[in-house]
Amino acid sequence: MTELTKGNFSAEVELAEQPVLIDFFAHRCRPCQMMAPVFEELEREYGRSYKFCKVDTDAQEGLAQQFDILSVPTLVLMREGEIRHRISGYRSKDDIAKILSL
């Protein structure tokens, strides 16, 4: 799983050949902590078709602002450098898998 920063965002996301699912999180956030194992499990299952990345919103405030992240966790699905889907709050593995299959 790739940790995104302002410095590597373009190369890792905008230029990615496959769709990218980004988890915007904060370490202090309980729902984010609950989401972490779900996100890791999804990466194991869908990692060949999707790229999975994380953004620590406390450390990467500029990226959080760029994406108008108002609450965490927020998942953003990007394809070809464009936002295709966005959800906030804890979601089950099945809920996220449905988004990946769209």
C-alpha atoms as a PDB file:
ATOM      1  CA  MET A   1       0.000   0.000   0.000  1.00  0.00           C
ATOM      2  CA  THR A   2       1.397   3.351  -1.006  1.00  0.00           C
ATOM      3  CA  GLU A   3       1.465   6.318   1.391  1.00  0.00           C
ATOM      4  CA  LEU A   4       0.700   9.389  -0.687  1.00  0.00           C
ATOM      5  CA  THR A   5       2.364  12.754  -0.251  1.00  0.00           C
ATOM      6  CA  LYS A   6       2.200  15.941  -2.244  1.00  0.00           C
ATOM      7  CA  GLY A   7       5.549  14.916  -3.763  1.00  0.00           C
ATOM      8  CA  ASN A   8       4.508  11.495  -5.075  1.00  0.00           C
ATOM      9  CA  PHE A   9       0.800  12.096  -5.754  1.00  0.00           C
ATOM     10  CA  SER A  10       1.071  12.808  -9.465  1.00  0.00           C
ATOM     11  CA  ALA A  11       3.244   9.801 -10.233  1.00  0.00           C
ATOM     12  CA  GLU A  12       1.284   7.406  -8.030  1.00  0.00           C
ATOM     13  CA  VAL A  13      -2.275   8.530  -8.814  1.00  0.00           C
ATOM     14  CA  GLU A  14      -2.624  10.819 -11.810  1.00  0.00           C
ATOM     15  CA  LEU A  15      -0.271   8.742 -13.971  1.00  0.00           C
ATOM     16  CA  ALA A  16      -1.415   5.340 -12.671  1.00  0.00           C
ATOM     17  CA  GLU A  17      -2.403   2.827 -15.319  1.00  0.00           C
ATOM     18  CA  GLN A  18      -5.034   1.252 -13.091  1.00  0.00           C
ATOM     19  CA  PRO A  19      -7.819   2.815 -11.001  1.00  0.00           C
ATOM     20  CA  VAL A  20      -6.679   4.073  -7.581  1.00  0.00           C
ATOM     21  CA  LEU A  21      -8.617   3.831  -4.337  1.00  0.00           C
ATOM     22  CA  ILE A  22      -7.384   6.385  -1.802  1.00  0.00           C
ATOM     23  CA  ASP A  23      -8.100   6.148   1.916  1.00  0.00           C
ATOM     24  CA  PHE A  24      -7.932   9.581   3.569  1.00  0.00           C
ATOM     25  CA  PHE A  25      -7.484   8.859   7.278  1.00  0.00           C
ATOM     26  CA  ALA A  26      -6.182  10.161  10.599  1.00  0.00           C
ATOM     27  CA  HIS A  27      -4.410   8.015  13.204  1.00  0.00           C
ATOM     28  CA  ARG A  28      -6.539   9.443  16.038  1.00  0.00           C
ATOM     29  CA  CYS A  29      -9.800   8.515  14.269  1.00  0.00           C
ATOM     30  CA  ARG A  30     -11.559   5.403  15.620  1.00  0.00           C
ATOM     31  CA  PRO A  31     -13.599   4.716  12.438  1.00  0.00           C
ATOM     32  CA  CYS A  32     -10.335   5.033  10.455  1.00  0.00           C
ATOM     33  CA  GLN A  33      -8.739   2.431  12.701  1.00  0.00           C
ATOM     34  CA  MET A  34     -11.711   0.131  12.072  1.00  0.00           C
ATOM     35  CA  MET A  35     -11.445   0.745   8.310  1.00  0.00           C
ATOM     36  CA  ALA A  36      -7.725  -0.073   8.088  1.00  0.00           C
ATOM     37  CA  PRO A  37      -8.048  -3.901   8.154  1.00  0.00           C
ATOM     38  CA  VAL A  38     -10.971  -3.726   5.695  1.00  0.00           C
ATOM     39  CA  PHE A  39      -8.871  -1.633   3.310  1.00  0.00           C
ATOM     40  CA  GLU A  40      -5.955  -4.079   3.631  1.00  0.00           C
ATOM     41  CA  GLU A  41      -8.240  -7.042   2.923  1.00  0.00           C
ATOM     42  CA  LEU A  42      -9.630  -5.306  -0.162  1.00  0.00           C
ATOM     43  CA  GLU A  43      -6.093  -4.675  -1.371  1.00  0.00           C
ATOM     44  CA  ARG A  44      -5.305  -8.392  -1.060  1.00  0.00           C
ATOM     45  CA  GLU A  45      -8.416  -9.272  -3.083  1.00  0.00           C
ATOM     46  CA  TYR A  46      -8.431  -6.475  -5.678  1.00  0.00           C
ATOM     47  CA  GLY A  47      -4.762  -5.483  -5.761  1.00  0.00           C
ATOM     48  CA  ARG A  48      -4.257  -6.753  -9.291  1.00  0.00           C
ATOM     49  CA  SER A  49      -6.997  -4.541 -10.692  1.00  0.00           C
ATOM     50  CA  TYR A  50      -6.749  -1.507  -8.394  1.00  0.00           C
ATOM     51  CA  LYS A  51      -3.998   0.438  -6.713  1.00  0.00           C
ATOM     52  CA  PHE A  52      -4.585   1.100  -3.010  1.00  0.00           C
ATOM     53  CA  CYS A  53      -3.161   4.221  -1.389  1.00  0.00           C
ATOM     54  CA  LYS A  54      -3.459   6.054   1.921  1.00  0.00           C
ATOM     55  CA  VAL A  55      -3.245   9.724   2.852  1.00  0.00           C
ATOM     56  CA  ASP A  56      -2.623  10.731   6.471  1.00  0.00           C
ATOM     57  CA  THR A  57      -4.675  13.924   6.570  1.00  0.00           C
ATOM     58  CA  ASP A  58      -2.751  15.278   9.571  1.00  0.00           C
ATOM     59  CA  ALA A  59       0.597  14.924   7.785  1.00  0.00           C
ATOM     60  CA  GLN A  60      -0.702  15.839   4.307  1.00  0.00           C
ATOM     61  CA  GLU A  61      -3.029  18.758   4.959  1.00  0.00           C
ATOM     62  CA  GLY A  62      -2.503  20.099   1.432  1.00  0.00           C
ATOM     63  CA  LEU A  63      -3.834  16.907  -0.170  1.00  0.00           C
ATOM     64  CA  ALA A  64      -6.748  16.842   2.263  1.00  0.00           C
ATOM     65  CA  GLN A  65      -7.610  20.415   1.290  1.00  0.00           C
ATOM     66  CA  GLN A  66      -7.176  19.679  -2.421  1.00  0.00           C
ATOM     67  CA  PHE A  67      -9.822  16.941  -2.115  1.00  0.00           C
ATOM     68  CA  ASP A  68     -12.060  18.919   0.264  1.00  0.00           C
ATOM     69  CA  ILE A  69     -11.801  16.240   2.936  1.00  0.00           C
ATOM     70  CA  LEU A  70     -14.083  17.378   5.747  1.00  0.00           C
ATOM     71  CA  SER A  71     -14.336  14.085   7.629  1.00  0.00           C
ATOM     72  CA  VAL A  72     -12.368  10.878   7.870  1.00  0.00           C
ATOM     73  CA  PRO A  73     -12.330   8.207   6.769  1.00  0.00           C
ATOM     74  CA  THR A  74     -13.080   9.240   3.219  1.00  0.00           C
ATOM     75  CA  LEU A  75     -12.440   6.948   0.262  1.00  0.00           C
ATOM     76  CA  VAL A  76     -11.877   8.412  -3.186  1.00  0.00           C
ATOM     77  CA  LEU A  77     -11.816   6.260  -6.314  1.00  0.00           C
ATOM     78  CA  MET A  78      -9.855   7.791  -9.177  1.00  0.00           C
ATOM     79  CA  ARG A  79      -9.488   6.659 -12.780  1.00  0.00           C
ATOM     80  CA  GLU A  80      -7.302   8.404 -15.329  1.00  0.00           C
ATOM     81  CA  GLY A  81      -6.608  11.201 -12.856  1.00  0.00           C
ATOM     82  CA  GLU A  82     -10.300  12.007 -12.258  1.00  0.00           C
ATOM     83  CA  ILE A  83     -12.498  11.372  -9.240  1.00  0.00           C
ATOM     84  CA  ARG A  84     -15.066   8.700 -10.119  1.00  0.00           C
ATOM     85  CA  HIS A  85     -16.564   7.998  -6.702  1.00  0.00           C
ATOM     86  CA  ARG A  86     -16.304   9.268  -3.145  1.00  0.00           C
ATOM     87  CA  ILE A  87     -17.692   8.015   0.172  1.00  0.00           C
ATOM     88  CA  SER A  88     -17.185   9.174   3.745  1.00  0.00           C
ATOM     89  CA  GLY A  89     -17.466   7.314   7.014  1.00  0.00           C
ATOM     90  CA  TYR A  90     -16.835   3.702   7.902  1.00  0.00           C
ATOM     91  CA  ARG A  91     -18.039   1.261   5.241  1.00  0.00           C
ATOM     92  CA  SER A  92     -18.141  -2.499   5.189  1.00  0.00           C
ATOM     93  CA  LYS A  93     -15.984  -4.529   2.857  1.00  0.00           C
ATOM     94  CA  ASP A  94     -19.078  -5.429   0.821  1.00  0.00           C
ATOM     95  CA  ASP A  95     -20.073  -1.763   0.424  1.00  0.00           C
ATOM     96  CA  ILE A  96     -16.637  -0.862  -0.888  1.00  0.00           C
ATOM     97  CA  ALA A  97     -16.468  -3.942  -3.127  1.00  0.00           C
ATOM     98  CA  LYS A  98     -19.708  -2.802  -4.792  1.00  0.00           C
ATOM     99  CA  ILE A  99     -18.064   0.504  -5.662  1.00  0.00           C
ATOM    100  CA  LEU A 100     -15.041  -1.284  -7.109  1.00  0.00           C
ATOM    101  CA  SER A 101     -17.274  -3.388  -9.335  1.00  0.00           C
ATOM    102  CA  LEU A 102     -19.019  -0.365 -10.909  1.00  0.00           C
END
